[in-house]
N, C-alpha and C. Protein backbone atom coordinates (compact mmCIF):
# COMPACT_ATOMS: atom_id res chain seq x y z
N MET A 1 112.96 -32.02 61.27
CA MET A 1 111.93 -31.13 61.73
C MET A 1 112.43 -30.25 62.90
N LEU A 2 113.06 -30.85 63.85
CA LEU A 2 113.61 -30.10 64.96
C LEU A 2 114.67 -29.13 64.46
N GLN A 3 115.41 -29.54 63.50
CA GLN A 3 116.43 -28.70 62.91
C GLN A 3 115.77 -27.47 62.24
N SER A 4 114.69 -27.67 61.55
CA SER A 4 114.02 -26.56 60.86
C SER A 4 113.42 -25.59 61.88
N GLN A 5 112.89 -26.09 62.99
CA GLN A 5 112.36 -25.22 64.03
C GLN A 5 113.49 -24.41 64.67
N PHE A 6 114.59 -25.08 64.88
CA PHE A 6 115.75 -24.39 65.44
C PHE A 6 116.23 -23.28 64.51
N THR A 7 116.26 -23.54 63.23
CA THR A 7 116.68 -22.55 62.25
C THR A 7 115.69 -21.41 62.21
N ASP A 8 114.41 -21.71 62.22
CA ASP A 8 113.38 -20.66 62.23
C ASP A 8 113.50 -19.80 63.49
N LEU A 9 113.68 -20.46 64.63
CA LEU A 9 113.81 -19.77 65.88
C LEU A 9 115.06 -18.89 65.89
N ASN A 10 116.14 -19.41 65.34
CA ASN A 10 117.38 -18.65 65.26
C ASN A 10 117.21 -17.43 64.35
N GLU A 11 116.53 -17.60 63.24
CA GLU A 11 116.29 -16.48 62.33
C GLU A 11 115.40 -15.42 62.99
N GLU A 12 114.42 -15.91 63.73
CA GLU A 12 113.53 -14.97 64.44
C GLU A 12 114.31 -14.20 65.50
N MET A 13 115.21 -14.91 66.19
CA MET A 13 116.03 -14.26 67.21
C MET A 13 116.95 -13.23 66.56
N ILE A 14 117.53 -13.53 65.46
CA ILE A 14 118.39 -12.58 64.74
C ILE A 14 117.56 -11.38 64.29
N SER A 15 116.37 -11.64 63.81
CA SER A 15 115.48 -10.56 63.39
C SER A 15 115.13 -9.66 64.59
N MET A 16 114.87 -10.26 65.75
CA MET A 16 114.54 -9.49 66.95
C MET A 16 115.73 -8.67 67.40
N ARG A 17 116.93 -9.25 67.34
CA ARG A 17 118.14 -8.52 67.72
C ARG A 17 118.34 -7.32 66.79
N THR A 18 118.12 -7.54 65.51
CA THR A 18 118.27 -6.46 64.56
C THR A 18 117.26 -5.36 64.85
N TYR A 19 116.06 -5.76 65.11
CA TYR A 19 115.02 -4.77 65.42
C TYR A 19 115.38 -3.99 66.69
N MET A 20 115.81 -4.69 67.74
CA MET A 20 116.16 -4.05 69.00
C MET A 20 117.37 -3.12 68.80
N GLU A 21 118.30 -3.56 68.02
CA GLU A 21 119.47 -2.73 67.71
C GLU A 21 119.04 -1.46 66.99
N GLU A 22 118.16 -1.57 66.04
CA GLU A 22 117.64 -0.40 65.32
C GLU A 22 116.89 0.53 66.26
N GLU A 23 116.12 -0.04 67.14
CA GLU A 23 115.37 0.78 68.12
C GLU A 23 116.33 1.51 69.05
N ARG A 24 117.34 0.81 69.50
CA ARG A 24 118.33 1.44 70.39
C ARG A 24 119.07 2.55 69.66
N LEU A 25 119.43 2.32 68.43
CA LEU A 25 120.10 3.34 67.65
C LEU A 25 119.17 4.52 67.36
N SER A 26 117.92 4.21 67.13
CA SER A 26 116.94 5.27 66.90
C SER A 26 116.79 6.13 68.15
N ASP A 27 116.74 5.48 69.34
CA ASP A 27 116.66 6.23 70.59
C ASP A 27 117.90 7.10 70.77
N LYS A 28 119.05 6.53 70.48
CA LYS A 28 120.30 7.31 70.59
C LYS A 28 120.27 8.50 69.66
N TYR A 29 119.81 8.24 68.44
CA TYR A 29 119.73 9.33 67.46
C TYR A 29 118.78 10.42 67.96
N ASP A 30 117.64 10.03 68.49
CA ASP A 30 116.66 11.01 69.01
C ASP A 30 117.26 11.83 70.15
N ARG A 31 117.97 11.15 71.05
CA ARG A 31 118.58 11.87 72.17
C ARG A 31 119.67 12.82 71.67
N LEU A 32 120.46 12.35 70.74
CA LEU A 32 121.51 13.22 70.17
C LEU A 32 120.90 14.42 69.47
N GLU A 33 119.84 14.19 68.74
CA GLU A 33 119.17 15.29 68.06
C GLU A 33 118.61 16.29 69.08
N GLU A 34 118.07 15.79 70.15
CA GLU A 34 117.55 16.68 71.20
C GLU A 34 118.67 17.48 71.84
N HIS A 35 119.78 16.82 72.14
CA HIS A 35 120.94 17.52 72.70
C HIS A 35 121.47 18.58 71.73
N LEU A 36 121.52 18.24 70.49
CA LEU A 36 121.99 19.19 69.47
C LEU A 36 121.07 20.40 69.41
N ASN A 37 119.76 20.16 69.41
CA ASN A 37 118.81 21.27 69.38
C ASN A 37 118.95 22.16 70.62
N ASP A 38 119.14 21.54 71.79
CA ASP A 38 119.34 22.31 73.01
C ASP A 38 120.62 23.15 72.90
N PHE A 39 121.66 22.54 72.38
CA PHE A 39 122.92 23.25 72.23
C PHE A 39 122.80 24.43 71.26
N VAL A 40 122.10 24.23 70.16
CA VAL A 40 121.90 25.30 69.19
C VAL A 40 121.10 26.43 69.83
N GLU A 41 120.06 26.10 70.56
CA GLU A 41 119.25 27.11 71.24
C GLU A 41 120.08 27.90 72.26
N LEU A 42 120.88 27.17 73.02
CA LEU A 42 121.75 27.82 74.00
C LEU A 42 122.74 28.76 73.32
N THR A 43 123.32 28.30 72.23
CA THR A 43 124.27 29.13 71.48
C THR A 43 123.60 30.38 70.94
N GLN A 44 122.41 30.24 70.43
CA GLN A 44 121.68 31.40 69.91
C GLN A 44 121.39 32.40 71.03
N ASN A 45 121.01 31.90 72.19
CA ASN A 45 120.75 32.77 73.35
C ASN A 45 122.01 33.49 73.76
N GLU A 46 123.12 32.77 73.77
CA GLU A 46 124.40 33.40 74.15
C GLU A 46 124.78 34.48 73.14
N LEU A 47 124.57 34.22 71.86
CA LEU A 47 124.88 35.21 70.83
C LEU A 47 124.01 36.46 71.01
N THR A 48 122.75 36.25 71.31
CA THR A 48 121.85 37.37 71.55
C THR A 48 122.33 38.18 72.74
N ASN A 49 122.71 37.50 73.81
CA ASN A 49 123.23 38.19 74.99
C ASN A 49 124.50 38.96 74.69
N LEU A 50 125.40 38.34 73.93
CA LEU A 50 126.65 39.00 73.55
C LEU A 50 126.38 40.24 72.70
N LYS A 51 125.46 40.14 71.76
CA LYS A 51 125.12 41.29 70.94
C LYS A 51 124.57 42.42 71.80
N GLN A 52 123.74 42.09 72.78
CA GLN A 52 123.19 43.10 73.67
C GLN A 52 124.29 43.76 74.51
N GLU A 53 125.22 42.92 75.00
CA GLU A 53 126.33 43.47 75.80
C GLU A 53 127.18 44.39 74.94
N ILE A 54 127.44 44.01 73.70
CA ILE A 54 128.23 44.85 72.81
C ILE A 54 127.52 46.18 72.55
N SER A 55 126.23 46.11 72.36
CA SER A 55 125.45 47.31 72.12
C SER A 55 125.52 48.23 73.37
N ASN A 56 125.39 47.64 74.53
CA ASN A 56 125.48 48.44 75.76
C ASN A 56 126.88 49.07 75.92
N MET A 57 127.89 48.31 75.59
CA MET A 57 129.26 48.84 75.69
C MET A 57 129.46 49.97 74.67
N GLU A 58 128.92 49.82 73.49
CA GLU A 58 129.03 50.89 72.48
C GLU A 58 128.37 52.18 72.97
N GLU A 59 127.20 52.05 73.58
CA GLU A 59 126.52 53.22 74.12
C GLU A 59 127.34 53.87 75.21
N LYS A 60 127.91 53.05 76.08
CA LYS A 60 128.73 53.57 77.18
C LYS A 60 129.98 54.29 76.63
N ILE A 61 130.62 53.68 75.65
CA ILE A 61 131.81 54.27 75.06
C ILE A 61 131.47 55.59 74.35
N ASP A 62 130.34 55.59 73.62
CA ASP A 62 129.93 56.83 72.95
C ASP A 62 129.67 57.93 73.97
N TYR A 63 129.02 57.60 75.06
CA TYR A 63 128.73 58.59 76.10
C TYR A 63 130.04 59.13 76.70
N GLN A 64 130.96 58.22 77.02
CA GLN A 64 132.25 58.64 77.58
C GLN A 64 133.03 59.50 76.59
N LEU A 65 132.96 59.13 75.31
CA LEU A 65 133.65 59.91 74.28
C LEU A 65 133.08 61.31 74.20
N GLU A 66 131.76 61.41 74.24
CA GLU A 66 131.12 62.72 74.22
C GLU A 66 131.53 63.55 75.42
N GLU A 67 131.57 62.93 76.61
CA GLU A 67 131.99 63.64 77.81
C GLU A 67 133.42 64.13 77.71
N ARG A 68 134.31 63.27 77.25
CA ARG A 68 135.71 63.66 77.14
C ARG A 68 135.91 64.73 76.07
N THR A 69 135.15 64.63 74.99
CA THR A 69 135.24 65.65 73.93
C THR A 69 134.77 67.00 74.49
N ARG A 70 133.66 66.97 75.23
CA ARG A 70 133.14 68.18 75.85
C ARG A 70 134.16 68.76 76.83
N ASP A 71 134.75 67.92 77.66
CA ASP A 71 135.77 68.38 78.61
C ASP A 71 136.97 68.97 77.88
N LEU A 72 137.38 68.34 76.81
CA LEU A 72 138.53 68.83 76.04
C LEU A 72 138.22 70.18 75.41
N GLN A 73 137.00 70.31 74.88
CA GLN A 73 136.62 71.59 74.27
C GLN A 73 136.59 72.69 75.33
N GLU A 74 136.07 72.37 76.51
CA GLU A 74 136.05 73.37 77.59
C GLU A 74 137.46 73.75 78.02
N ALA A 75 138.34 72.74 78.10
CA ALA A 75 139.72 73.02 78.49
C ALA A 75 140.41 73.89 77.43
N LEU A 76 140.13 73.62 76.16
CA LEU A 76 140.73 74.44 75.09
C LEU A 76 140.19 75.87 75.13
N GLU A 77 138.90 76.01 75.38
CA GLU A 77 138.32 77.34 75.47
C GLU A 77 138.91 78.11 76.64
N ASN A 78 139.06 77.42 77.78
CA ASN A 78 139.68 78.07 78.95
C ASN A 78 141.12 78.47 78.67
N ALA A 79 141.83 77.58 77.99
CA ALA A 79 143.24 77.89 77.66
C ALA A 79 143.30 79.06 76.69
N ASN A 80 142.40 79.07 75.74
CA ASN A 80 142.36 80.18 74.78
C ASN A 80 142.08 81.48 75.48
N THR A 81 141.15 81.45 76.42
CA THR A 81 140.81 82.67 77.18
C THR A 81 142.01 83.12 78.01
N ARG A 82 142.69 82.16 78.66
CA ARG A 82 143.85 82.52 79.49
C ARG A 82 145.00 83.06 78.65
N VAL A 83 145.19 82.54 77.46
CA VAL A 83 146.30 82.98 76.61
C VAL A 83 146.01 84.31 75.96
N ILE A 84 144.79 84.51 75.50
CA ILE A 84 144.44 85.74 74.79
C ILE A 84 144.28 86.91 75.78
N LYS A 85 143.79 86.64 76.99
CA LYS A 85 143.53 87.71 77.97
C LYS A 85 144.79 88.53 78.29
N PRO A 86 145.93 87.92 78.52
CA PRO A 86 147.11 88.74 78.82
C PRO A 86 147.49 89.66 77.65
N ASP A 87 147.24 89.26 76.43
CA ASP A 87 147.54 90.14 75.28
C ASP A 87 146.75 91.43 75.39
N TYR A 88 145.49 91.32 75.73
CA TYR A 88 144.64 92.50 75.80
C TYR A 88 144.96 93.34 77.03
N VAL A 89 145.31 92.65 78.14
CA VAL A 89 145.63 93.37 79.37
C VAL A 89 146.89 94.19 79.17
N CYS A 90 147.89 93.57 78.55
CA CYS A 90 149.16 94.27 78.35
C CYS A 90 149.11 95.23 77.16
N GLY A 91 148.07 95.15 76.39
CA GLY A 91 147.96 96.00 75.24
C GLY A 91 148.75 95.45 74.04
N GLU A 92 149.27 94.23 74.16
CA GLU A 92 150.01 93.66 73.04
C GLU A 92 149.05 92.91 72.13
N THR A 93 149.32 92.96 70.87
CA THR A 93 148.47 92.25 69.91
C THR A 93 149.35 91.32 69.06
N ASN A 94 150.20 90.60 69.68
CA ASN A 94 151.10 89.71 68.98
C ASN A 94 150.36 88.38 68.71
N ASN A 95 149.68 88.34 67.57
CA ASN A 95 148.88 87.17 67.22
C ASN A 95 149.73 85.93 67.02
N HIS A 96 150.91 86.12 66.50
CA HIS A 96 151.75 84.98 66.23
C HIS A 96 152.13 84.27 67.55
N LEU A 97 152.56 85.03 68.53
CA LEU A 97 152.93 84.46 69.83
C LEU A 97 151.70 83.82 70.49
N SER A 98 150.58 84.50 70.38
CA SER A 98 149.34 83.97 70.95
C SER A 98 148.97 82.63 70.30
N SER A 99 149.10 82.56 68.99
CA SER A 99 148.78 81.31 68.27
C SER A 99 149.70 80.19 68.71
N ILE A 100 150.96 80.49 68.87
CA ILE A 100 151.92 79.45 69.29
C ILE A 100 151.57 78.97 70.70
N LEU A 101 151.26 79.89 71.59
CA LEU A 101 150.91 79.51 72.95
C LEU A 101 149.64 78.66 73.00
N ILE A 102 148.66 79.04 72.19
CA ILE A 102 147.40 78.28 72.14
C ILE A 102 147.69 76.87 71.61
N PHE A 103 148.49 76.80 70.57
CA PHE A 103 148.84 75.51 69.98
C PHE A 103 149.56 74.64 71.01
N LEU A 104 150.55 75.19 71.69
CA LEU A 104 151.29 74.41 72.69
C LEU A 104 150.39 73.96 73.82
N TYR A 105 149.54 74.83 74.29
CA TYR A 105 148.64 74.44 75.37
C TYR A 105 147.66 73.36 74.90
N SER A 106 147.16 73.51 73.70
CA SER A 106 146.25 72.50 73.14
C SER A 106 146.94 71.16 73.03
N LEU A 107 148.18 71.20 72.56
CA LEU A 107 148.96 69.97 72.41
C LEU A 107 149.18 69.31 73.77
N PHE A 108 149.55 70.11 74.75
CA PHE A 108 149.75 69.58 76.10
C PHE A 108 148.47 69.00 76.66
N THR A 109 147.37 69.68 76.48
CA THR A 109 146.08 69.22 76.98
C THR A 109 145.69 67.92 76.32
N MET A 110 145.86 67.85 75.02
CA MET A 110 145.49 66.61 74.31
C MET A 110 146.37 65.45 74.76
N MET A 111 147.63 65.71 74.99
CA MET A 111 148.53 64.64 75.44
C MET A 111 148.14 64.16 76.83
N SER A 112 147.71 65.06 77.68
CA SER A 112 147.30 64.64 79.02
C SER A 112 146.01 63.82 78.96
N TYR A 113 145.11 64.08 78.02
CA TYR A 113 143.89 63.29 77.86
C TYR A 113 144.18 61.93 77.23
N CYS A 114 145.22 61.83 76.45
CA CYS A 114 145.55 60.57 75.81
C CYS A 114 146.05 59.53 76.82
N LYS A 115 146.48 59.94 77.97
CA LYS A 115 146.94 59.01 78.98
C LYS A 115 145.81 58.14 79.48
N TYR A 116 144.60 58.62 79.42
CA TYR A 116 143.46 57.86 79.92
C TYR A 116 142.98 56.99 78.84
């Protein structure tokens, strides 16, 4: 009889240990799931922030490109005016020489802008 009580008590203790182990594992699982959800949310927020930063950078680059293009066009127009004006002042109409000078000046101007 004492042996049977001991066996029953031992089985009950094993059952309790198993239950406690399952509860502990369940708690660990819940905490891990919570950490994972927090990490996913953080990652999504970071991705959203990165997308916004990329968009801002694109806008800034587009604006700078427009400014540089405008400056380059103005420089080319000024160069064209400077090259063509002496032809008219001197009374020469050498279009070929004028075209070469415009081309060379344009090339020089574009090369100087490429440094930036």
